[in-house]
Amino acid sequence: MTSPLDRLGARKRAQGVGDRLPPGQYIPRGWPVLHYGPVPKWKPETWDFKVFGETADGELGRWTWEEFGRLPTTSVTADLHCVTKFSVLGNVWTGVSTRTFLEAAPPAADVTHVLVWAEYGYSANLRLSDFADEGALFVTHRDGEPLSPDHGFPVRLVVPHLYAWKGPKWARGVEYLTADRRGFWEERGYHNLADPWQEQRYSYQEEPGDGPD
């Protein structure tokens, strides 16, 4: 007699999931919509994207929507894991690599973390190494289609190896930091590092050194 866990494993294998689904995650129907607050109204004539904080030259990097649209783009096929336990697999994300901004507006030598800022003052903190990962993109399209407003149009960050709250919708800029500083959800009890494979969901799970005091 097979157990429920055995049957679940068989279903995952039949779906071609294999080892791609982190612990505690499930595959939903479609792509659920989750965010805090209202969907912002987009005004292309006033929209801009900034890189600021501890830049190497002390200058602000800024791109209008037209300039952002001229930046080189790339595509990455990667899964999306939400801390609420759903995972959407096999997405083709298209956008501007985070490394493009690190090259265009380099951080100072002592920068260790970034805060990614979004509309309404929302923010998410990441280690510089996570932000610079080759799979991290400021995404404009998913599966060849522009993002919908409720999924982050015009730009959202996607960092596939972390829980999705580390990739804010409606992204507007990056602040370079020389010391870690918690973002919006991290200040409200979410784990500072957010590795889905270790189920780093909540701050009470943090080990010494996982986050700022």
Protein backbone atom coordinates (compact mmCIF):
# COMPACT_ATOMS: atom_id res chain seq x y z
CA MET A 1 0.00 0.00 0.00
CA THR A 2 1.41 3.39 -1.00
CA SER A 3 1.39 6.33 1.36
CA PRO A 4 0.07 9.83 0.49
CA LEU A 5 3.69 11.03 0.28
CA ASP A 6 4.51 8.26 -2.18
CA ARG A 7 1.52 9.20 -4.33
CA LEU A 8 2.50 12.89 -4.21
CA GLY A 9 6.02 11.99 -5.33
CA ALA A 10 4.63 9.94 -8.19
CA ARG A 11 2.46 12.84 -9.34
CA LYS A 12 5.42 15.21 -9.28
CA ARG A 13 7.51 12.81 -11.34
CA ALA A 14 4.66 12.40 -13.81
CA GLN A 15 4.48 16.18 -14.19
CA GLY A 16 8.20 16.35 -14.89
CA VAL A 17 8.82 18.29 -11.68
CA GLY A 18 11.45 15.98 -10.23
CA ASP A 19 13.72 17.89 -7.86
CA ARG A 20 12.66 21.36 -9.04
CA LEU A 21 10.03 21.92 -6.37
CA PRO A 22 11.47 23.19 -3.06
CA PRO A 23 10.22 21.74 0.23
CA GLY A 24 6.69 22.74 1.17
CA GLN A 25 5.81 24.13 -2.28
CA TYR A 26 2.96 23.17 -4.62
CA ILE A 27 2.10 23.90 -8.25
CA PRO A 28 -1.00 26.11 -8.63
CA ARG A 29 -3.32 26.63 -11.53
CA GLY A 30 -2.08 29.65 -13.42
CA TRP A 31 0.00 32.40 -11.83
CA PRO A 32 -1.62 33.70 -8.63
CA VAL A 33 -1.60 37.44 -7.95
CA LEU A 34 -0.28 38.55 -4.57
CA HIS A 35 0.98 41.97 -3.51
CA TYR A 36 0.67 44.57 -0.79
CA GLY A 37 -1.29 47.71 -1.59
CA PRO A 38 -2.89 48.91 -4.84
CA VAL A 39 -1.56 48.53 -8.36
CA PRO A 40 0.18 51.83 -9.19
CA LYS A 41 -0.79 53.93 -12.18
CA TRP A 42 2.04 54.04 -14.71
CA LYS A 43 3.08 57.35 -16.24
CA PRO A 44 5.84 56.74 -18.82
CA GLU A 45 6.63 60.46 -19.11
CA THR A 46 7.64 60.65 -15.43
CA TRP A 47 8.84 57.08 -14.82
CA ASP A 48 12.55 56.59 -14.18
CA PHE A 49 14.92 54.01 -12.74
CA LYS A 50 17.75 55.03 -10.42
CA VAL A 51 20.91 53.48 -9.01
CA PHE A 52 22.13 55.41 -5.98
CA GLY A 53 23.72 55.08 -2.57
CA GLU A 54 27.35 53.99 -2.35
CA THR A 55 28.26 54.11 -6.03
CA ALA A 56 31.92 53.89 -7.02
CA ASP A 57 32.02 57.46 -8.36
CA GLY A 58 29.49 58.96 -5.96
CA GLU A 59 27.16 59.76 -8.83
CA LEU A 60 23.51 58.85 -9.41
CA GLY A 61 22.64 56.54 -12.28
CA ARG A 62 19.29 57.37 -13.87
CA TRP A 63 17.33 56.03 -16.85
CA THR A 64 14.07 57.35 -18.26
CA TRP A 65 11.57 54.82 -19.63
CA GLU A 66 12.83 55.49 -23.15
CA GLU A 67 16.45 54.98 -22.05
CA PHE A 68 15.55 51.86 -20.09
CA GLY A 69 13.97 50.45 -23.24
CA ARG A 70 17.26 50.82 -25.11
CA LEU A 71 19.25 48.76 -22.61
CA PRO A 72 20.34 45.27 -23.72
CA THR A 73 17.91 42.52 -22.80
CA THR A 74 18.31 38.83 -22.14
CA SER A 75 16.03 35.88 -21.42
CA VAL A 76 16.25 33.34 -18.62
CA THR A 77 14.10 30.24 -18.17
CA ALA A 78 13.53 29.87 -14.44
CA ASP A 79 10.99 28.92 -11.81
CA LEU A 80 9.25 31.32 -9.40
CA HIS A 81 8.81 30.28 -5.76
CA CYS A 82 6.45 32.27 -3.54
CA VAL A 83 6.79 32.18 0.24
CA THR A 84 3.04 31.48 0.40
CA LYS A 85 4.03 28.04 -0.94
CA PHE A 86 3.13 28.08 -4.63
CA SER A 87 5.74 27.62 -7.37
CA VAL A 88 5.25 28.51 -11.04
CA LEU A 89 7.69 26.46 -13.11
CA GLY A 90 9.34 27.01 -16.48
CA ASN A 91 8.81 30.75 -16.94
CA VAL A 92 10.73 32.49 -19.70
CA TRP A 93 11.68 35.84 -18.18
CA THR A 94 12.94 38.64 -20.44
CA GLY A 95 14.44 41.88 -19.21
CA VAL A 96 17.58 43.74 -18.26
CA SER A 97 20.18 41.82 -16.28
CA THR A 98 21.07 43.22 -12.88
CA ARG A 99 24.68 42.96 -14.03
CA THR A 100 23.94 45.63 -16.66
CA PHE A 101 23.31 48.16 -13.89
CA LEU A 102 26.27 46.95 -11.84
CA GLU A 103 28.44 47.68 -14.88
CA ALA A 104 26.76 50.96 -15.83
CA ALA A 105 26.77 52.34 -12.27
CA PRO A 106 29.32 50.24 -10.33
CA PRO A 107 29.09 49.94 -6.56
CA ALA A 108 31.86 51.13 -4.28
CA ALA A 109 34.37 48.48 -3.24
CA ASP A 110 32.89 48.11 0.26
CA VAL A 111 29.26 47.57 -0.85
CA THR A 112 27.88 44.29 0.50
CA HIS A 113 24.11 44.58 0.02
CA VAL A 114 21.46 46.36 -1.98
CA LEU A 115 17.95 47.60 -1.33
CA VAL A 116 15.70 47.32 -4.37
CA TRP A 117 13.07 50.04 -4.19
CA ALA A 118 9.62 49.96 -5.76
CA GLU A 119 6.49 52.11 -5.93
CA TYR A 120 4.96 53.33 -2.65
CA GLY A 121 8.30 53.00 -0.86
CA TYR A 122 8.30 49.20 -0.90
CA SER A 123 11.77 47.66 -0.64
CA ALA A 124 13.57 44.31 -0.47
CA ASN A 125 17.15 43.78 0.66
CA LEU A 126 19.58 41.33 -0.96
CA ARG A 127 23.19 40.40 -0.57
CA LEU A 128 25.21 41.87 -3.42
CA SER A 129 26.13 38.35 -4.53
CA ASP A 130 22.44 37.42 -4.84
CA PHE A 131 21.63 40.61 -6.73
CA ALA A 132 24.53 39.96 -9.13
CA ASP A 133 23.48 36.36 -9.86
CA GLU A 134 23.47 35.58 -13.58
CA GLY A 135 19.77 34.67 -13.44
CA ALA A 136 18.64 37.93 -11.81
CA LEU A 137 16.74 40.25 -14.16
CA PHE A 138 14.67 43.38 -14.08
CA VAL A 139 11.88 41.74 -16.01
CA THR A 140 9.55 43.35 -18.52
CA HIS A 141 8.13 40.20 -20.19
CA ARG A 142 7.10 36.68 -19.21
CA ASP A 143 6.74 33.97 -21.85
CA GLY A 144 7.03 36.59 -24.58
CA GLU A 145 4.24 38.82 -23.27
CA PRO A 146 4.59 42.10 -21.38
CA LEU A 147 3.94 41.81 -17.67
CA SER A 148 0.40 42.67 -16.68
CA PRO A 149 -0.03 45.56 -14.23
CA ASP A 150 -0.95 43.24 -11.36
CA HIS A 151 2.19 41.17 -11.98
CA GLY A 152 4.49 44.19 -11.90
CA PHE A 153 4.31 46.06 -15.22
CA PRO A 154 6.39 47.84 -16.34
CA VAL A 155 9.35 46.31 -14.44
CA ARG A 156 9.79 43.79 -11.65
CA LEU A 157 12.87 42.12 -10.27
CA VAL A 158 13.13 38.33 -10.54
CA VAL A 159 15.81 36.50 -8.54
CA PRO A 160 14.96 32.86 -9.26
CA HIS A 161 17.01 31.25 -6.50
CA LEU A 162 15.22 33.23 -3.76
CA TYR A 163 11.61 33.48 -2.64
CA ALA A 164 9.69 35.86 -4.87
CA TRP A 165 9.19 38.62 -2.29
CA LYS A 166 12.88 39.44 -2.84
CA GLY A 167 11.90 40.52 -6.36
CA PRO A 168 9.64 43.56 -5.98
CA LYS A 169 6.97 44.41 -8.52
CA TRP A 170 6.96 47.94 -10.00
CA ALA A 171 10.68 48.35 -9.35
CA ARG A 172 12.09 51.88 -9.51
CA GLY A 173 15.68 51.66 -8.35
CA VAL A 174 18.59 50.13 -6.48
CA GLU A 175 20.39 51.51 -3.44
CA TYR A 176 23.92 50.26 -2.76
CA LEU A 177 24.64 49.58 0.91
CA THR A 178 27.83 49.02 2.88
CA ALA A 179 25.83 47.30 5.65
CA ASP A 180 22.70 45.18 5.50
CA ARG A 181 19.33 46.82 6.12
CA ARG A 182 16.03 44.98 6.19
CA GLY A 183 13.41 45.72 3.56
CA PHE A 184 9.62 45.95 3.85
CA TRP A 185 8.75 42.31 4.53
CA GLU A 186 11.99 41.59 6.34
CA GLU A 187 11.01 44.26 8.89
CA ARG A 188 7.66 42.48 9.27
CA GLY A 189 8.95 39.05 10.18
CA TYR A 190 10.17 37.47 6.94
CA HIS A 191 13.55 35.77 6.74
CA ASN A 192 16.45 38.00 5.75
CA LEU A 193 17.95 35.54 3.23
CA ALA A 194 14.90 33.78 1.71
CA ASP A 195 16.38 30.57 0.31
CA PRO A 196 13.39 28.38 -0.71
CA TRP A 197 15.47 25.19 -0.62
CA GLN A 198 16.16 25.78 3.06
CA GLU A 199 12.59 27.04 3.68
CA GLN A 200 13.89 30.33 5.04
CA ARG A 201 10.45 31.88 5.37
CA TYR A 202 10.41 33.71 8.72
CA SER A 203 12.82 35.73 10.82
CA TYR A 204 12.51 33.40 13.85
CA GLN A 205 14.34 30.81 11.72
CA GLU A 206 17.39 33.02 11.27
CA GLU A 207 20.77 31.88 12.47
CA PRO A 208 23.41 34.29 13.80
CA GLY A 209 24.80 36.25 10.89
CA ASP A 210 21.76 35.75 8.64
CA GLY A 211 20.66 39.35 9.08
CA PRO A 212 21.33 42.69 10.74
CA ASP A 213 20.60 43.08 14.44
